[in-house]
Amino acid sequence: MTTSLNMIIPHVPPSENKIRVHRRQGGQVYSKEARDYVTLFSQFVRENYFTEINRFVAEHAETSVYRLQMTFFFPTLINEGWAKNKAKTLYKKFDVGNRRKLIEDCLVGVLGEIDDSLFFELVLIKEMSQTHEGVHICLIRQNPQEYGVPHVTRDQQDRTHRNSAQ
């Protein structure tokens, strides 16, 4: 049984501040930078993780829930000017929280029937790495009962729904 999917994507997504643009007609769409990232992500995953994704998705069930962990690697997290009082904080302002949504959307695009509403736990980690930049994505199948969801079969759900309707 394949209970986890691990992928290392060698590209960091743009910030949420740069992924959507407002349309004159109203509403929002992905920016060119976001569309380019989605294309890059999808192509990289297809070329490098096609088999792993197919195995993982094949074991998806209608009761499955997941824990998603994303570790973002940056060449540096330190403001060089901090020691010389040219920067207010020691650490650069890389907000990984506003980079996660584009990754979730990209994942849903390559996973098909596994939607981001099934990500019951989300862990974001920021790390400094001199050797590589990118995102390590780990999607792990979890027991729904760990999140307070009772074990329910379709038959039980139908009976409960019929009884409450009467």
Protein backbone atom coordinates (compact mmCIF):
# COMPACT_ATOMS: atom_id res chain seq x y z
CA MET A 1 0.00 0.00 0.00
CA THR A 2 1.37 3.43 -0.98
CA THR A 3 0.59 5.72 1.94
CA SER A 4 2.73 8.70 0.98
CA LEU A 5 3.85 10.67 -2.03
CA ASN A 6 7.17 12.53 -1.87
CA MET A 7 8.29 14.97 -4.53
CA ILE A 8 11.06 17.54 -4.70
CA ILE A 9 10.23 20.41 -7.02
CA PRO A 10 13.34 22.49 -7.85
CA HIS A 11 11.35 25.73 -8.19
CA VAL A 12 9.79 27.93 -5.49
CA PRO A 13 6.35 29.27 -6.42
CA PRO A 14 5.70 33.00 -6.60
CA SER A 15 4.16 34.70 -3.60
CA GLU A 16 0.37 34.86 -3.39
CA ASN A 17 0.77 38.62 -3.85
CA LYS A 18 1.93 37.88 -7.41
CA ILE A 19 -0.29 34.97 -8.46
CA ARG A 20 -3.60 36.71 -9.17
CA VAL A 21 -4.54 39.70 -11.27
CA HIS A 22 -7.88 41.50 -11.44
CA ARG A 23 -9.78 41.38 -14.71
CA ARG A 24 -11.52 44.45 -16.11
CA GLN A 25 -14.68 42.37 -16.47
CA GLY A 26 -14.44 41.52 -12.77
CA GLY A 27 -12.98 38.59 -10.93
CA GLN A 28 -9.42 37.35 -10.72
CA VAL A 29 -7.27 35.07 -12.83
CA TYR A 30 -3.76 33.69 -12.50
CA SER A 31 -0.98 36.08 -13.45
CA LYS A 32 1.47 35.12 -16.19
CA GLU A 33 4.02 34.28 -13.50
CA ALA A 34 1.54 31.91 -11.80
CA ARG A 35 0.49 30.29 -15.10
CA ASP A 36 4.15 29.77 -15.98
CA TYR A 37 4.75 28.13 -12.60
CA VAL A 38 1.75 25.81 -13.02
CA THR A 39 3.08 24.74 -16.42
CA LEU A 40 6.61 24.25 -15.06
CA PHE A 41 5.30 22.28 -12.05
CA SER A 42 3.04 20.03 -14.13
CA GLN A 43 5.71 19.30 -16.71
CA PHE A 44 8.36 18.55 -14.07
CA VAL A 45 6.03 16.24 -12.13
CA ARG A 46 4.92 14.37 -15.27
CA GLU A 47 8.53 13.80 -16.31
CA ASN A 48 9.82 12.79 -12.87
CA TYR A 49 6.96 11.40 -10.74
CA PHE A 50 4.42 9.95 -13.17
CA THR A 51 4.59 6.38 -11.81
CA GLU A 52 4.60 7.42 -8.14
CA ILE A 53 1.55 9.65 -8.63
CA ASN A 54 -0.38 6.91 -10.46
CA ARG A 55 0.32 4.42 -7.64
CA PHE A 56 -0.70 6.93 -4.97
CA VAL A 57 -3.90 8.01 -6.72
CA ALA A 58 -4.88 4.40 -7.48
CA GLU A 59 -5.22 3.76 -3.74
CA HIS A 60 -7.34 6.83 -3.08
CA ALA A 61 -10.74 6.01 -1.56
CA GLU A 62 -13.78 8.20 -1.07
CA THR A 63 -13.05 8.23 2.67
CA SER A 64 -9.36 9.19 2.31
CA VAL A 65 -7.93 12.28 3.98
CA TYR A 66 -4.37 13.61 3.82
CA ARG A 67 -1.64 15.45 5.65
CA LEU A 68 0.31 17.79 3.37
CA GLN A 69 3.77 18.92 4.38
CA MET A 70 5.69 21.45 2.31
CA THR A 71 9.30 22.32 3.06
CA PHE A 72 10.47 25.43 1.19
CA PHE A 73 14.23 25.69 0.61
CA PHE A 74 15.83 29.10 0.05
CA PRO A 75 19.55 29.88 -0.53
CA THR A 76 19.49 32.27 2.42
CA LEU A 77 17.05 33.39 5.06
CA ILE A 78 19.39 35.96 6.62
CA ASN A 79 19.35 39.70 5.89
CA GLU A 80 22.99 40.54 5.20
CA GLY A 81 22.49 44.15 6.27
CA TRP A 82 21.18 43.20 9.70
CA ALA A 83 24.60 43.10 11.38
CA LYS A 84 25.35 46.60 10.01
CA ASN A 85 21.95 47.99 11.15
CA LYS A 86 20.79 48.32 7.52
CA ALA A 87 17.97 45.80 7.94
CA LYS A 88 15.32 45.81 10.68
CA THR A 89 15.22 42.05 11.18
CA LEU A 90 17.73 39.24 11.08
CA TYR A 91 15.51 37.14 8.82
CA LYS A 92 14.28 37.88 5.31
CA LYS A 93 10.54 38.20 4.91
CA PHE A 94 9.77 35.02 2.99
CA ASP A 95 6.17 34.19 3.83
CA VAL A 96 5.75 30.52 2.95
CA GLY A 97 2.11 30.71 3.99
CA ASN A 98 1.28 32.77 0.94
CA ARG A 99 3.15 30.41 -1.39
CA ARG A 100 1.26 27.29 -0.36
CA LYS A 101 -2.00 27.86 -2.23
CA LEU A 102 -0.42 27.76 -5.68
CA ILE A 103 1.33 24.48 -4.74
CA GLU A 104 -2.00 23.06 -3.53
CA ASP A 105 -3.65 24.07 -6.80
CA CYS A 106 -0.79 22.51 -8.78
CA LEU A 107 -1.09 19.29 -6.76
CA VAL A 108 -4.82 19.06 -7.41
CA GLY A 109 -4.08 19.52 -11.10
CA VAL A 110 -1.72 16.53 -11.22
CA LEU A 111 -3.58 14.31 -8.73
CA GLY A 112 -6.96 14.47 -10.44
CA GLU A 113 -9.60 13.15 -8.06
CA ILE A 114 -7.72 14.15 -4.88
CA ASP A 115 -8.98 17.63 -4.09
CA ASP A 116 -7.37 20.08 -1.64
CA SER A 117 -10.49 19.87 0.55
CA LEU A 118 -9.11 16.45 1.56
CA PHE A 119 -5.95 18.03 3.02
CA PHE A 120 -6.97 17.87 6.69
CA GLU A 121 -3.56 18.85 8.01
CA LEU A 122 -1.12 21.33 6.50
CA VAL A 123 2.48 21.78 7.67
CA LEU A 124 4.70 24.52 6.26
CA ILE A 125 8.43 24.59 6.89
CA LYS A 126 11.01 27.14 5.80
CA GLU A 127 14.65 26.03 5.56
CA MET A 128 17.90 27.53 4.42
CA SER A 129 19.89 25.44 1.95
CA GLN A 130 23.11 26.42 0.23
CA THR A 131 22.81 23.46 -2.16
CA HIS A 132 19.30 23.77 -3.60
CA GLU A 133 16.19 25.90 -3.85
CA GLY A 134 12.70 24.46 -4.22
CA VAL A 135 9.92 22.66 -2.39
CA HIS A 136 9.79 19.19 -0.87
CA ILE A 137 6.17 18.03 -0.95
CA CYS A 138 5.05 15.13 1.19
CA LEU A 139 1.41 14.02 0.97
CA ILE A 140 0.52 11.35 3.51
CA ARG A 141 -2.72 9.36 3.73
CA GLN A 142 -4.16 9.65 7.23
CA ASN A 143 -6.85 7.93 9.24
CA PRO A 144 -9.93 10.21 9.20
CA GLN A 145 -10.66 9.23 12.81
CA GLU A 146 -7.50 11.14 13.86
CA TYR A 147 -9.45 14.29 12.91
CA GLY A 148 -12.65 13.35 14.70
CA VAL A 149 -14.33 11.89 11.62
CA PRO A 150 -16.22 8.68 12.50
CA HIS A 151 -15.81 5.60 10.36
CA VAL A 152 -18.82 5.73 8.05
CA THR A 153 -19.76 3.60 5.07
CA ARG A 154 -21.98 4.78 2.25
CA ASP A 155 -24.80 2.48 3.47
CA GLN A 156 -24.65 3.92 7.00
CA GLN A 157 -24.67 7.47 5.61
CA ASP A 158 -27.74 6.75 3.43
CA ARG A 159 -29.65 5.26 6.41
CA THR A 160 -28.75 8.23 8.62
CA HIS A 161 -29.83 10.67 5.92
CA ARG A 162 -33.16 8.82 5.38
CA ASN A 163 -33.85 8.65 9.15
CA SER A 164 -33.18 12.37 9.65
CA ALA A 165 -35.44 13.25 6.69
CA GLN A 166 -38.42 11.46 8.23
